[in-house]
Amino acid sequence: MTEVQIRNLLERTAEWPAAAQEELIRVMTDIENRYSAVYHVDDEDRAALNRSQADVEAGRFASDQDIKATFERFNLGRA
């Protein structure tokens, strides 16, 4: 989609019903946040990351062979 197409579409939204405009604002805000916002790690996320790091350090993760065998077992194609 070109910048001109985006501008034209946004201009047409002025004629949309209020509910549709509100929905558009919510969706566009969500997309904007997804692509431009800095993600802040909360305590729950930090704890999960720490658990994952501990698992890696303890060697508790699947090897490439384990992953390949699982994919083959469940006929999931290539890992």
N, C-alpha and C. Protein backbone atom coordinates (compact mmCIF):
# COMPACT_ATOMS: atom_id res chain seq x y z
N MET A 1 0.86 -1.17 0.00
CA MET A 1 0.00 0.00 0.00
C MET A 1 0.90 1.23 0.00
N THR A 2 0.58 2.16 -0.85
CA THR A 2 1.40 3.37 -0.96
C THR A 2 0.93 4.42 0.05
N GLU A 3 1.78 5.41 0.25
CA GLU A 3 1.43 6.50 1.16
C GLU A 3 0.17 7.22 0.68
N VAL A 4 0.02 7.39 -0.62
CA VAL A 4 -1.17 8.05 -1.18
C VAL A 4 -2.42 7.23 -0.87
N GLN A 5 -2.34 5.93 -1.04
CA GLN A 5 -3.49 5.07 -0.74
C GLN A 5 -3.87 5.17 0.74
N ILE A 6 -2.87 5.18 1.60
CA ILE A 6 -3.14 5.29 3.03
C ILE A 6 -3.81 6.62 3.34
N ARG A 7 -3.28 7.70 2.78
CA ARG A 7 -3.87 9.02 3.01
C ARG A 7 -5.32 9.07 2.51
N ASN A 8 -5.57 8.53 1.33
CA ASN A 8 -6.93 8.53 0.77
C ASN A 8 -7.89 7.74 1.66
N LEU A 9 -7.44 6.59 2.11
CA LEU A 9 -8.29 5.78 2.98
C LEU A 9 -8.58 6.52 4.29
N LEU A 10 -7.56 7.10 4.87
CA LEU A 10 -7.77 7.83 6.13
C LEU A 10 -8.72 9.00 5.94
N GLU A 11 -8.65 9.68 4.80
CA GLU A 11 -9.58 10.77 4.53
C GLU A 11 -11.02 10.26 4.47
N ARG A 12 -11.22 9.10 3.87
CA ARG A 12 -12.57 8.53 3.75
C ARG A 12 -13.14 8.12 5.11
N THR A 13 -12.26 7.83 6.06
CA THR A 13 -12.76 7.40 7.37
C THR A 13 -13.53 8.50 8.09
N ALA A 14 -13.37 9.75 7.65
CA ALA A 14 -14.13 10.85 8.25
C ALA A 14 -15.63 10.68 8.04
N GLU A 15 -16.01 9.91 7.01
CA GLU A 15 -17.42 9.68 6.70
C GLU A 15 -17.96 8.42 7.36
N TRP A 16 -17.12 7.67 8.03
CA TRP A 16 -17.56 6.43 8.68
C TRP A 16 -18.40 6.73 9.92
N PRO A 17 -19.21 5.78 10.33
CA PRO A 17 -19.94 5.94 11.60
C PRO A 17 -18.95 6.05 12.77
N ALA A 18 -19.38 6.70 13.82
CA ALA A 18 -18.51 6.93 14.98
C ALA A 18 -17.95 5.62 15.55
N ALA A 19 -18.79 4.59 15.61
CA ALA A 19 -18.33 3.31 16.17
C ALA A 19 -17.19 2.72 15.34
N ALA A 20 -17.30 2.85 14.02
CA ALA A 20 -16.24 2.34 13.14
C ALA A 20 -14.96 3.17 13.31
N GLN A 21 -15.11 4.47 13.48
CA GLN A 21 -13.94 5.33 13.70
C GLN A 21 -13.24 4.97 15.02
N GLU A 22 -14.04 4.71 16.05
CA GLU A 22 -13.47 4.33 17.34
C GLU A 22 -12.73 3.00 17.24
N GLU A 23 -13.31 2.06 16.50
CA GLU A 23 -12.65 0.78 16.29
C GLU A 23 -11.32 0.97 15.55
N LEU A 24 -11.35 1.81 14.52
CA LEU A 24 -10.13 2.09 13.76
C LEU A 24 -9.04 2.66 14.67
N ILE A 25 -9.41 3.59 15.52
CA ILE A 25 -8.43 4.19 16.44
C ILE A 25 -7.84 3.12 17.35
N ARG A 26 -8.69 2.23 17.88
CA ARG A 26 -8.17 1.16 18.76
C ARG A 26 -7.20 0.26 18.01
N VAL A 27 -7.58 -0.15 16.81
CA VAL A 27 -6.73 -1.06 16.03
C VAL A 27 -5.43 -0.37 15.64
N MET A 28 -5.53 0.86 15.16
CA MET A 28 -4.31 1.57 14.76
C MET A 28 -3.39 1.82 15.95
N THR A 29 -3.97 2.11 17.10
CA THR A 29 -3.16 2.31 18.30
C THR A 29 -2.45 1.03 18.69
N ASP A 30 -3.15 -0.10 18.62
CA ASP A 30 -2.53 -1.39 18.93
C ASP A 30 -1.36 -1.67 17.98
N ILE A 31 -1.58 -1.43 16.70
CA ILE A 31 -0.51 -1.67 15.71
C ILE A 31 0.66 -0.73 15.98
N GLU A 32 0.38 0.52 16.21
CA GLU A 32 1.43 1.50 16.49
C GLU A 32 2.25 1.07 17.71
N ASN A 33 1.56 0.65 18.75
CA ASN A 33 2.26 0.22 19.96
C ASN A 33 3.12 -1.01 19.70
N ARG A 34 2.62 -1.90 18.88
CA ARG A 34 3.36 -3.13 18.58
C ARG A 34 4.66 -2.83 17.85
N TYR A 35 4.65 -1.85 16.98
CA TYR A 35 5.82 -1.59 16.14
C TYR A 35 6.72 -0.47 16.64
N SER A 36 6.27 0.34 17.57
CA SER A 36 7.10 1.47 17.96
C SER A 36 7.35 1.59 19.45
N ALA A 37 6.58 0.91 20.23
CA ALA A 37 6.72 1.05 21.68
C ALA A 37 7.86 0.20 22.21
N VAL A 38 8.43 0.65 23.29
CA VAL A 38 9.43 -0.12 24.00
C VAL A 38 8.68 -1.07 24.93
N TYR A 39 9.06 -2.34 24.88
CA TYR A 39 8.40 -3.31 25.74
C TYR A 39 9.05 -3.27 27.12
N HIS A 40 8.25 -3.10 28.12
CA HIS A 40 8.74 -3.07 29.49
C HIS A 40 8.47 -4.43 30.14
N VAL A 41 9.53 -5.05 30.61
CA VAL A 41 9.42 -6.35 31.24
C VAL A 41 8.87 -6.16 32.65
N ASP A 42 7.78 -6.88 32.96
CA ASP A 42 7.24 -6.80 34.31
C ASP A 42 7.85 -7.91 35.17
N ASP A 43 7.46 -7.96 36.43
CA ASP A 43 8.03 -8.94 37.36
C ASP A 43 7.77 -10.37 36.92
N GLU A 44 6.58 -10.62 36.38
CA GLU A 44 6.23 -11.97 35.92
C GLU A 44 7.12 -12.38 34.73
N ASP A 45 7.29 -11.47 33.79
CA ASP A 45 8.17 -11.75 32.64
C ASP A 45 9.61 -11.98 33.09
N ARG A 46 10.06 -11.13 34.00
CA ARG A 46 11.44 -11.24 34.50
C ARG A 46 11.65 -12.60 35.17
N ALA A 47 10.68 -13.04 35.96
CA ALA A 47 10.78 -14.34 36.63
C ALA A 47 10.84 -15.47 35.60
N ALA A 48 10.02 -15.38 34.56
CA ALA A 48 10.03 -16.41 33.51
C ALA A 48 11.37 -16.43 32.79
N LEU A 49 11.92 -15.27 32.51
CA LEU A 49 13.23 -15.21 31.86
C LEU A 49 14.32 -15.80 32.76
N ASN A 50 14.24 -15.52 34.05
CA ASN A 50 15.21 -16.08 34.98
C ASN A 50 15.10 -17.60 35.06
N ARG A 51 13.86 -18.13 35.05
CA ARG A 51 13.68 -19.59 35.05
C ARG A 51 14.26 -20.20 33.78
N SER A 52 14.02 -19.55 32.66
CA SER A 52 14.57 -20.05 31.39
C SER A 52 16.09 -20.05 31.40
N GLN A 53 16.67 -18.99 31.92
CA GLN A 53 18.13 -18.92 32.00
C GLN A 53 18.67 -20.02 32.91
N ALA A 54 18.00 -20.27 34.02
CA ALA A 54 18.43 -21.33 34.93
C ALA A 54 18.34 -22.69 34.24
N ASP A 55 17.29 -22.91 33.45
CA ASP A 55 17.15 -24.17 32.71
C ASP A 55 18.30 -24.34 31.72
N VAL A 56 18.65 -23.29 31.02
CA VAL A 56 19.76 -23.36 30.06
C VAL A 56 21.06 -23.68 30.80
N GLU A 57 21.29 -22.98 31.88
CA GLU A 57 22.53 -23.20 32.64
C GLU A 57 22.61 -24.61 33.21
N ALA A 58 21.46 -25.21 33.54
CA ALA A 58 21.42 -26.56 34.10
C ALA A 58 21.37 -27.63 33.01
N GLY A 59 21.33 -27.21 31.75
CA GLY A 59 21.29 -28.17 30.65
C GLY A 59 19.92 -28.80 30.44
N ARG A 60 18.87 -28.15 30.94
CA ARG A 60 17.51 -28.68 30.80
C ARG A 60 16.83 -28.09 29.57
N PHE A 61 17.26 -28.55 28.42
CA PHE A 61 16.62 -28.13 27.18
C PHE A 61 16.80 -29.25 26.17
N ALA A 62 16.00 -29.21 25.13
CA ALA A 62 16.02 -30.28 24.13
C ALA A 62 17.17 -30.06 23.15
N SER A 63 17.83 -31.15 22.81
CA SER A 63 18.89 -31.08 21.80
C SER A 63 18.26 -31.00 20.42
N ASP A 64 19.07 -30.68 19.42
CA ASP A 64 18.59 -30.68 18.04
C ASP A 64 18.05 -32.05 17.66
N GLN A 65 18.72 -33.10 18.12
CA GLN A 65 18.26 -34.47 17.82
C GLN A 65 16.90 -34.73 18.46
N ASP A 66 16.71 -34.27 19.70
CA ASP A 66 15.42 -34.45 20.38
C ASP A 66 14.30 -33.76 19.61
N ILE A 67 14.56 -32.56 19.16
CA ILE A 67 13.56 -31.80 18.40
C ILE A 67 13.24 -32.51 17.10
N LYS A 68 14.26 -32.95 16.39
CA LYS A 68 14.06 -33.65 15.12
C LYS A 68 13.24 -34.91 15.34
N ALA A 69 13.55 -35.68 16.38
CA ALA A 69 12.82 -36.92 16.66
C ALA A 69 11.36 -36.63 16.97
N THR A 70 11.10 -35.56 17.70
CA THR A 70 9.72 -35.20 18.03
C THR A 70 8.95 -34.82 16.78
N PHE A 71 9.56 -34.03 15.90
CA PHE A 71 8.90 -33.65 14.65
C PHE A 71 8.60 -34.88 13.81
N GLU A 72 9.55 -35.79 13.75
CA GLU A 72 9.35 -37.02 12.97
C GLU A 72 8.25 -37.88 13.60
N ARG A 73 8.24 -37.97 14.91
CA ARG A 73 7.25 -38.79 15.61
C ARG A 73 5.83 -38.31 15.33
N PHE A 74 5.64 -37.01 15.32
CA PHE A 74 4.31 -36.45 15.12
C PHE A 74 4.07 -36.00 13.68
N ASN A 75 4.97 -36.41 12.78
CA ASN A 75 4.82 -36.11 11.36
C ASN A 75 4.60 -34.62 11.11
N LEU A 76 5.46 -33.81 11.69
CA LEU A 76 5.32 -32.36 11.59
C LEU A 76 6.24 -31.75 10.54
N GLY A 77 6.86 -32.57 9.74
CA GLY A 77 7.76 -32.03 8.72
C GLY A 77 9.13 -31.80 9.31
N ARG A 78 9.84 -30.91 8.68
CA ARG A 78 11.22 -30.65 9.11
C ARG A 78 11.26 -29.70 10.29
N ALA A 79 12.16 -29.98 11.18
CA ALA A 79 12.36 -29.11 12.35
C ALA A 79 13.28 -27.96 12.00
